[in-house]
């Protein structure tokens, strides 16, 4: 039960945290500049200042959401990050990058 609540909250939180940056994040993913990492956060695929700034900003917001979810559900931030990474990997569009086995691959 807790896992389904946490998964739902992560999905909603990620959705709303990305709305403000939807154009920029989508554009960065479409250009292959950023990708989803296996730790629940974004990573820079191609080093560009604007991509790095976007990653830092979104990751800081994700960290706050993950901490709040962990506190509300009595679990660790690492558990929330793992669930968020699974959701992000599942939702990643074909052609976008994922961090797998220590390297970037296209889905």
Protein backbone atom coordinates (compact mmCIF):
# COMPACT_ATOMS: atom_id res chain seq x y z
CA UNK A 1 0.00 0.00 0.00
CA UNK A 2 2.76 2.44 0.97
CA UNK A 3 4.64 1.71 -2.25
CA UNK A 4 1.61 2.45 -4.42
CA UNK A 5 1.00 5.72 -2.57
CA UNK A 6 4.65 6.69 -2.90
CA UNK A 7 4.69 5.76 -6.59
CA UNK A 8 1.59 7.86 -7.20
CA UNK A 9 3.02 10.79 -5.30
CA UNK A 10 6.31 10.54 -7.19
CA UNK A 11 4.50 10.51 -10.51
CA UNK A 12 2.39 13.55 -9.61
CA UNK A 13 5.37 15.38 -8.13
CA UNK A 14 7.58 14.71 -11.14
CA UNK A 15 4.78 15.81 -13.46
CA UNK A 16 4.26 19.11 -11.66
CA UNK A 17 7.97 19.77 -11.13
CA UNK A 18 8.53 19.39 -14.86
CA UNK A 19 5.63 21.57 -16.01
CA UNK A 20 7.50 24.80 -15.34
CA UNK A 21 10.44 23.51 -17.34
CA UNK A 22 8.52 21.39 -19.86
CA UNK A 23 9.73 23.23 -22.94
CA UNK A 24 13.31 23.50 -21.78
CA UNK A 25 13.51 19.95 -20.42
CA UNK A 26 11.77 18.45 -23.44
CA UNK A 27 14.02 20.42 -25.75
CA UNK A 28 17.14 19.34 -23.86
CA UNK A 29 16.04 15.69 -23.96
CA UNK A 30 15.08 15.90 -27.64
CA UNK A 31 18.50 17.35 -28.47
CA UNK A 32 20.21 14.58 -26.48
CA UNK A 33 21.74 17.01 -23.99
CA UNK A 34 20.30 15.47 -20.81
CA UNK A 35 19.00 12.10 -19.72
CA UNK A 36 17.54 10.24 -16.77
CA UNK A 37 19.98 8.59 -14.37
CA UNK A 38 19.42 5.47 -12.29
CA UNK A 39 19.42 7.52 -9.09
CA UNK A 40 16.20 9.45 -9.79
CA UNK A 41 17.94 12.55 -11.09
CA UNK A 42 18.85 14.05 -14.44
CA UNK A 43 22.35 13.94 -15.86
CA UNK A 44 24.17 15.89 -18.55
CA UNK A 45 24.81 13.83 -21.68
CA UNK A 46 26.48 16.61 -23.69
CA UNK A 47 28.24 19.33 -21.71
CA UNK A 48 26.59 22.66 -22.36
CA UNK A 49 26.18 25.44 -19.85
CA UNK A 50 22.42 25.79 -20.31
CA UNK A 51 21.91 22.02 -20.03
CA UNK A 52 23.99 21.90 -16.84
CA UNK A 53 22.00 24.77 -15.32
CA UNK A 54 18.73 23.02 -16.17
CA UNK A 55 19.93 19.75 -14.61
CA UNK A 56 21.08 21.48 -11.42
CA UNK A 57 17.78 23.34 -11.07
CA UNK A 58 15.50 20.37 -11.72
CA UNK A 59 17.58 18.02 -9.58
CA UNK A 60 17.41 20.44 -6.64
CA UNK A 61 13.62 20.52 -6.96
CA UNK A 62 13.43 16.73 -7.24
CA UNK A 63 15.57 16.38 -4.09
CA UNK A 64 13.10 18.50 -2.10
CA UNK A 65 10.14 16.47 -3.39
CA UNK A 66 11.92 13.17 -2.64
CA UNK A 67 12.77 14.30 0.90
CA UNK A 68 9.17 15.35 1.54
CA UNK A 69 7.85 12.02 0.22
CA UNK A 70 10.33 10.09 2.33
CA UNK A 71 9.32 12.01 5.45
CA UNK A 72 5.59 11.58 4.79
CA UNK A 73 5.91 7.84 4.17
CA UNK A 74 8.51 6.90 6.77
CA UNK A 75 11.02 5.65 4.21
CA UNK A 76 14.48 6.77 3.16
CA UNK A 77 15.24 9.30 0.47
CA UNK A 78 17.21 6.55 -1.29
CA UNK A 79 14.06 4.41 -1.49
CA UNK A 80 12.13 7.31 -3.02
CA UNK A 81 14.98 8.01 -5.46
CA UNK A 82 14.99 4.37 -6.56
CA UNK A 83 11.22 4.40 -7.15
CA UNK A 84 11.48 7.71 -8.99
CA UNK A 85 14.26 6.36 -11.22
CA UNK A 86 12.13 3.34 -12.13
CA UNK A 87 9.21 5.61 -13.03
CA UNK A 88 11.43 7.94 -15.05
CA UNK A 89 13.01 5.04 -16.95
CA UNK A 90 9.58 3.63 -17.76
CA UNK A 91 8.31 7.02 -18.96
CA UNK A 92 11.38 7.92 -21.01
CA UNK A 93 10.58 8.36 -24.67
CA UNK A 94 12.34 6.23 -27.27
CA UNK A 95 15.44 8.03 -28.51
CA UNK A 96 16.07 9.80 -25.21
CA UNK A 97 19.04 8.92 -23.02
CA UNK A 98 19.19 6.71 -19.94
CA UNK A 99 22.19 6.03 -17.70
CA UNK A 100 22.69 2.25 -17.75
CA UNK A 101 25.75 0.34 -16.58
CA UNK A 102 27.85 3.46 -16.18
CA UNK A 103 27.17 4.93 -19.61
CA UNK A 104 24.52 6.76 -21.60
CA UNK A 105 22.35 4.70 -23.95
CA UNK A 106 19.38 5.66 -26.09
CA UNK A 107 16.11 4.00 -25.16
